[in-house]
Amino acid sequence: MLAEKDQILQDRYKLTKRLSGNSQSESWLAVDQEGGQVLVKAWPYDGEQPNEVVRLFGTENSATSSG
């Protein structure tokens, strides 16, 4: 899926080290534009781009399940 030094999310983050991964998802250490480290989790989707409805609900479910 992804590779070290890939720029993602409109070049906001640069992947620096793959932490873990399998067929379901990958976790990466990345650096933001100000040099801060962040954790990135990515997973595959069907087609050439993500389904916006599924993407929205995935984000909403993550936000509500952590509270």
C-alpha atoms as a PDB file:
ATOM      1  CA  MET A   1       0.000   0.000   0.000  1.00  0.00           C
ATOM      2  CA  LEU A   2       2.227   2.807   1.277  1.00  0.00           C
ATOM      3  CA  ALA A   3       5.989   3.286   1.300  1.00  0.00           C
ATOM      4  CA  GLU A   4       8.505   5.128   3.444  1.00  0.00           C
ATOM      5  CA  LYS A   5       8.864   8.809   2.450  1.00  0.00           C
ATOM      6  CA  ASP A   6       5.389   8.875   0.834  1.00  0.00           C
ATOM      7  CA  GLN A   7       3.626  12.237   1.297  1.00  0.00           C
ATOM      8  CA  ILE A   8      -0.047  11.817   2.259  1.00  0.00           C
ATOM      9  CA  LEU A   9      -3.137  13.961   2.879  1.00  0.00           C
ATOM     10  CA  GLN A  10      -2.195  16.717   0.454  1.00  0.00           C
ATOM     11  CA  ASP A  11       1.502  16.532   1.520  1.00  0.00           C
ATOM     12  CA  ARG A  12       0.633  17.356   5.128  1.00  0.00           C
ATOM     13  CA  TYR A  13       2.386  14.239   6.470  1.00  0.00           C
ATOM     14  CA  LYS A  14       5.513  12.359   5.388  1.00  0.00           C
ATOM     15  CA  LEU A  15       5.730   8.678   6.312  1.00  0.00           C
ATOM     16  CA  THR A  16       8.989   7.860   8.091  1.00  0.00           C
ATOM     17  CA  LYS A  17       8.692   4.325   9.502  1.00  0.00           C
ATOM     18  CA  ARG A  18       6.249   1.453   9.136  1.00  0.00           C
ATOM     19  CA  LEU A  19       5.319   0.223  12.609  1.00  0.00           C
ATOM     20  CA  SER A  20       2.990  -2.676  11.750  1.00  0.00           C
ATOM     21  CA  GLY A  21       0.765  -3.971   9.017  1.00  0.00           C
ATOM     22  CA  ASN A  22      -1.317  -6.797   7.637  1.00  0.00           C
ATOM     23  CA  SER A  23      -3.944  -7.225   4.913  1.00  0.00           C
ATOM     24  CA  GLN A  24      -6.438  -5.118   6.916  1.00  0.00           C
ATOM     25  CA  SER A  25      -4.377  -2.022   7.853  1.00  0.00           C
ATOM     26  CA  GLU A  26      -0.956  -0.442   8.278  1.00  0.00           C
ATOM     27  CA  SER A  27       0.382   1.775  11.067  1.00  0.00           C
ATOM     28  CA  TRP A  28       3.085   4.340  10.327  1.00  0.00           C
ATOM     29  CA  LEU A  29       5.131   6.927  12.132  1.00  0.00           C
ATOM     30  CA  ALA A  30       4.962  10.176  10.180  1.00  0.00           C
ATOM     31  CA  VAL A  31       6.161  13.766  10.457  1.00  0.00           C
ATOM     32  CA  ASP A  32       3.846  16.752   9.951  1.00  0.00           C
ATOM     33  CA  GLN A  33       4.768  20.005   8.217  1.00  0.00           C
ATOM     34  CA  GLU A  34       6.056  21.516  11.479  1.00  0.00           C
ATOM     35  CA  GLY A  35       8.264  18.493  12.258  1.00  0.00           C
ATOM     36  CA  GLY A  36       5.966  16.916  14.864  1.00  0.00           C
ATOM     37  CA  GLN A  37       5.598  13.141  14.950  1.00  0.00           C
ATOM     38  CA  VAL A  38       2.179  11.575  14.425  1.00  0.00           C
ATOM     39  CA  LEU A  39       0.762   8.065  14.198  1.00  0.00           C
ATOM     40  CA  VAL A  40      -1.004   7.241  10.929  1.00  0.00           C
ATOM     41  CA  LYS A  41      -3.285   4.238  10.407  1.00  0.00           C
ATOM     42  CA  ALA A  42      -4.278   3.397   6.843  1.00  0.00           C
ATOM     43  CA  TRP A  43      -6.520   0.702   5.396  1.00  0.00           C
ATOM     44  CA  PRO A  44      -7.411  -0.288   1.822  1.00  0.00           C
ATOM     45  CA  TYR A  45     -10.673   0.520   0.070  1.00  0.00           C
ATOM     46  CA  ASP A  46     -12.393  -0.838  -3.023  1.00  0.00           C
ATOM     47  CA  GLY A  47     -12.113   1.149  -6.225  1.00  0.00           C
ATOM     48  CA  GLU A  48      -9.913   4.076  -7.158  1.00  0.00           C
ATOM     49  CA  GLN A  49     -11.008   6.350  -4.328  1.00  0.00           C
ATOM     50  CA  PRO A  50     -12.810   5.893  -1.008  1.00  0.00           C
ATOM     51  CA  ASN A  51     -16.582   5.959  -0.782  1.00  0.00           C
ATOM     52  CA  GLU A  52     -17.303   9.305   0.923  1.00  0.00           C
ATOM     53  CA  VAL A  53     -20.285   7.933   2.899  1.00  0.00           C
ATOM     54  CA  VAL A  54     -18.284   4.981   4.266  1.00  0.00           C
ATOM     55  CA  ARG A  55     -15.362   7.308   4.975  1.00  0.00           C
ATOM     56  CA  LEU A  56     -17.612   9.708   6.920  1.00  0.00           C
ATOM     57  CA  PHE A  57     -19.237   6.986   9.012  1.00  0.00           C
ATOM     58  CA  GLY A  58     -15.880   5.350   9.682  1.00  0.00           C
ATOM     59  CA  THR A  59     -14.599   8.646  11.078  1.00  0.00           C
ATOM     60  CA  GLU A  60     -17.805   9.267  13.044  1.00  0.00           C
ATOM     61  CA  ASN A  61     -17.790   5.778  14.568  1.00  0.00           C
ATOM     62  CA  SER A  62     -14.161   6.155  15.639  1.00  0.00           C
ATOM     63  CA  ALA A  63     -14.911   9.486  17.292  1.00  0.00           C
ATOM     64  CA  THR A  64     -18.005   8.287  19.130  1.00  0.00           C
ATOM     65  CA  SER A  65     -16.627   4.918  20.237  1.00  0.00           C
ATOM     66  CA  SER A  66     -13.633   6.478  21.992  1.00  0.00           C
ATOM     67  CA  GLY A  67     -15.791   8.666  24.275  1.00  0.00           C
END
